[in-house]
C-alpha atoms as a PDB file:
ATOM      1  CA  UNK A   1       0.000   0.000   0.000  1.00  0.00           C
ATOM      2  CA  UNK A   2       2.798   2.407   0.911  1.00  0.00           C
ATOM      3  CA  UNK A   3       4.659   1.588  -2.310  1.00  0.00           C
ATOM      4  CA  UNK A   4       1.497   2.203  -4.375  1.00  0.00           C
ATOM      5  CA  UNK A   5       0.989   5.592  -2.691  1.00  0.00           C
ATOM      6  CA  UNK A   6       4.619   6.491  -3.357  1.00  0.00           C
ATOM      7  CA  UNK A   7       4.322   5.472  -7.031  1.00  0.00           C
ATOM      8  CA  UNK A   8       1.120   7.442  -7.483  1.00  0.00           C
ATOM      9  CA  UNK A   9       2.630  10.528  -5.823  1.00  0.00           C
ATOM     10  CA  UNK A  10       5.453  10.362  -8.386  1.00  0.00           C
ATOM     11  CA  UNK A  11       3.009   9.810 -11.230  1.00  0.00           C
ATOM     12  CA  UNK A  12       4.267   6.266 -11.850  1.00  0.00           C
ATOM     13  CA  UNK A  13       2.008   3.452 -12.941  1.00  0.00           C
ATOM     14  CA  UNK A  14       2.271  -0.129 -11.822  1.00  0.00           C
ATOM     15  CA  UNK A  15       2.479  -2.915 -14.376  1.00  0.00           C
ATOM     16  CA  UNK A  16      -1.148  -3.829 -13.681  1.00  0.00           C
ATOM     17  CA  UNK A  17      -2.272  -0.257 -14.444  1.00  0.00           C
ATOM     18  CA  UNK A  18      -0.403  -0.014 -17.713  1.00  0.00           C
ATOM     19  CA  UNK A  19      -2.628  -0.851 -20.675  1.00  0.00           C
ATOM     20  CA  UNK A  20       0.109   0.128 -23.118  1.00  0.00           C
ATOM     21  CA  UNK A  21       2.171  -2.991 -22.445  1.00  0.00           C
ATOM     22  CA  UNK A  22      -0.019  -5.226 -24.563  1.00  0.00           C
ATOM     23  CA  UNK A  23      -0.100  -2.717 -27.424  1.00  0.00           C
ATOM     24  CA  UNK A  24       3.589  -1.794 -27.440  1.00  0.00           C
ATOM     25  CA  UNK A  25       4.973  -1.466 -30.969  1.00  0.00           C
ATOM     26  CA  UNK A  26       8.764  -1.640 -30.856  1.00  0.00           C
ATOM     27  CA  UNK A  27       9.078  -0.414 -34.429  1.00  0.00           C
ATOM     28  CA  UNK A  28       7.103   2.739 -33.661  1.00  0.00           C
ATOM     29  CA  UNK A  29       9.168   3.371 -30.540  1.00  0.00           C
ATOM     30  CA  UNK A  30      12.417   2.937 -32.478  1.00  0.00           C
ATOM     31  CA  UNK A  31      11.211   5.225 -35.270  1.00  0.00           C
ATOM     32  CA  UNK A  32      10.218   7.878 -32.741  1.00  0.00           C
ATOM     33  CA  UNK A  33      13.684   7.587 -31.185  1.00  0.00           C
ATOM     34  CA  UNK A  34      15.263   8.018 -34.620  1.00  0.00           C
ATOM     35  CA  UNK A  35      13.207  11.165 -35.179  1.00  0.00           C
ATOM     36  CA  UNK A  36      14.309  12.553 -31.808  1.00  0.00           C
ATOM     37  CA  UNK A  37      17.956  11.773 -32.563  1.00  0.00           C
ATOM     38  CA  UNK A  38      17.593  13.469 -35.950  1.00  0.00           C
ATOM     39  CA  UNK A  39      16.124  16.574 -34.305  1.00  0.00           C
ATOM     40  CA  UNK A  40      19.000  16.655 -31.800  1.00  0.00           C
ATOM     41  CA  UNK A  41      21.525  16.249 -34.610  1.00  0.00           C
ATOM     42  CA  UNK A  42      19.882  19.029 -36.618  1.00  0.00           C
ATOM     43  CA  UNK A  43      19.891  21.408 -33.634  1.00  0.00           C
ATOM     44  CA  UNK A  44      23.548  20.742 -32.817  1.00  0.00           C
ATOM     45  CA  UNK A  45      24.584  21.077 -36.472  1.00  0.00           C
ATOM     46  CA  UNK A  46      22.707  24.370 -36.756  1.00  0.00           C
ATOM     47  CA  UNK A  47      24.430  25.705 -33.634  1.00  0.00           C
ATOM     48  CA  UNK A  48      27.857  24.697 -34.922  1.00  0.00           C
ATOM     49  CA  UNK A  49      27.154  26.113 -38.384  1.00  0.00           C
ATOM     50  CA  UNK A  50      26.118  29.451 -36.885  1.00  0.00           C
ATOM     51  CA  UNK A  51      29.384  29.778 -34.940  1.00  0.00           C
ATOM     52  CA  UNK A  52      30.996  33.080 -35.858  1.00  0.00           C
ATOM     53  CA  UNK A  53      28.045  34.221 -37.956  1.00  0.00           C
ATOM     54  CA  UNK A  54      27.115  37.871 -37.798  1.00  0.00           C
ATOM     55  CA  UNK A  55      23.974  38.900 -35.952  1.00  0.00           C
ATOM     56  CA  UNK A  56      21.536  41.425 -37.464  1.00  0.00           C
ATOM     57  CA  UNK A  57      23.272  44.280 -35.594  1.00  0.00           C
ATOM     58  CA  UNK A  58      26.670  43.302 -37.040  1.00  0.00           C
ATOM     59  CA  UNK A  59      28.188  41.769 -33.912  1.00  0.00           C
ATOM     60  CA  UNK A  60      29.612  38.258 -34.041  1.00  0.00           C
ATOM     61  CA  UNK A  61      27.697  35.449 -32.348  1.00  0.00           C
ATOM     62  CA  UNK A  62      30.596  33.656 -30.669  1.00  0.00           C
ATOM     63  CA  UNK A  63      28.430  32.187 -27.918  1.00  0.00           C
ATOM     64  CA  UNK A  64      28.341  28.587 -29.141  1.00  0.00           C
ATOM     65  CA  UNK A  65      29.744  26.051 -26.675  1.00  0.00           C
ATOM     66  CA  UNK A  66      31.463  23.784 -29.185  1.00  0.00           C
ATOM     67  CA  UNK A  67      32.247  21.079 -26.641  1.00  0.00           C
ATOM     68  CA  UNK A  68      28.564  20.850 -25.671  1.00  0.00           C
ATOM     69  CA  UNK A  69      27.542  20.678 -29.318  1.00  0.00           C
ATOM     70  CA  UNK A  70      30.083  17.930 -30.062  1.00  0.00           C
ATOM     71  CA  UNK A  71      28.705  15.986 -27.085  1.00  0.00           C
ATOM     72  CA  UNK A  72      25.194  16.506 -28.517  1.00  0.00           C
ATOM     73  CA  UNK A  73      26.381  15.178 -31.890  1.00  0.00           C
ATOM     74  CA  UNK A  74      27.919  12.113 -30.250  1.00  0.00           C
ATOM     75  CA  UNK A  75      24.741  11.559 -28.237  1.00  0.00           C
ATOM     76  CA  UNK A  76      22.632  11.767 -31.401  1.00  0.00           C
ATOM     77  CA  UNK A  77      24.942   9.232 -33.059  1.00  0.00           C
ATOM     78  CA  UNK A  78      24.562   6.844 -30.123  1.00  0.00           C
ATOM     79  CA  UNK A  79      20.787   7.304 -30.041  1.00  0.00           C
ATOM     80  CA  UNK A  80      20.618   6.576 -33.757  1.00  0.00           C
ATOM     81  CA  UNK A  81      22.680   3.396 -33.360  1.00  0.00           C
ATOM     82  CA  UNK A  82      20.578   2.157 -30.443  1.00  0.00           C
ATOM     83  CA  UNK A  83      17.282   2.873 -32.183  1.00  0.00           C
ATOM     84  CA  UNK A  84      18.448   1.179 -35.377  1.00  0.00           C
ATOM     85  CA  UNK A  85      19.407  -1.890 -33.350  1.00  0.00           C
ATOM     86  CA  UNK A  86      15.970  -1.818 -31.708  1.00  0.00           C
ATOM     87  CA  UNK A  87      14.314  -1.583 -35.108  1.00  0.00           C
ATOM     88  CA  UNK A  88      16.372  -4.535 -36.352  1.00  0.00           C
ATOM     89  CA  UNK A  89      15.441  -6.577 -33.268  1.00  0.00           C
ATOM     90  CA  UNK A  90      11.749  -5.726 -33.704  1.00  0.00           C
ATOM     91  CA  UNK A  91      11.965  -6.883 -37.321  1.00  0.00           C
ATOM     92  CA  UNK A  92      13.588 -10.157 -36.281  1.00  0.00           C
ATOM     93  CA  UNK A  93      10.902 -10.682 -33.624  1.00  0.00           C
ATOM     94  CA  UNK A  94       8.140 -10.099 -36.169  1.00  0.00           C
ATOM     95  CA  UNK A  95       9.761 -12.590 -38.539  1.00  0.00           C
ATOM     96  CA  UNK A  96       9.973 -15.152 -35.738  1.00  0.00           C
ATOM     97  CA  UNK A  97       6.300 -14.680 -34.877  1.00  0.00           C
ATOM     98  CA  UNK A  98       5.348 -15.129 -38.519  1.00  0.00           C
ATOM     99  CA  UNK A  99       7.472 -18.297 -38.703  1.00  0.00           C
ATOM    100  CA  UNK A 100       5.807 -19.643 -35.562  1.00  0.00           C
ATOM    101  CA  UNK A 101       2.347 -18.960 -36.962  1.00  0.00           C
ATOM    102  CA  UNK A 102       3.107 -20.599 -40.312  1.00  0.00           C
END
């Protein structure tokens, strides 16, 4: 009872409360992760590309933290790799289910 109250105060659901478990689509989750990684990559690339660009008032915009942007690029690369592996695993699972049903 205490654990349930703690979970609900944090906004967490127990496994019994989660109706999404039976409808989980790994491919959709992996594709969403790929889209998020792409957005992160795009944002970091835009920040790096704008380094040293002139602002509308003529001053340089040298406020880009290149180390943070390189970390963001590496993170996007890792996220892409992980989500591609998840997508591959989901595909293999679907093939196995089809083989079992045949």
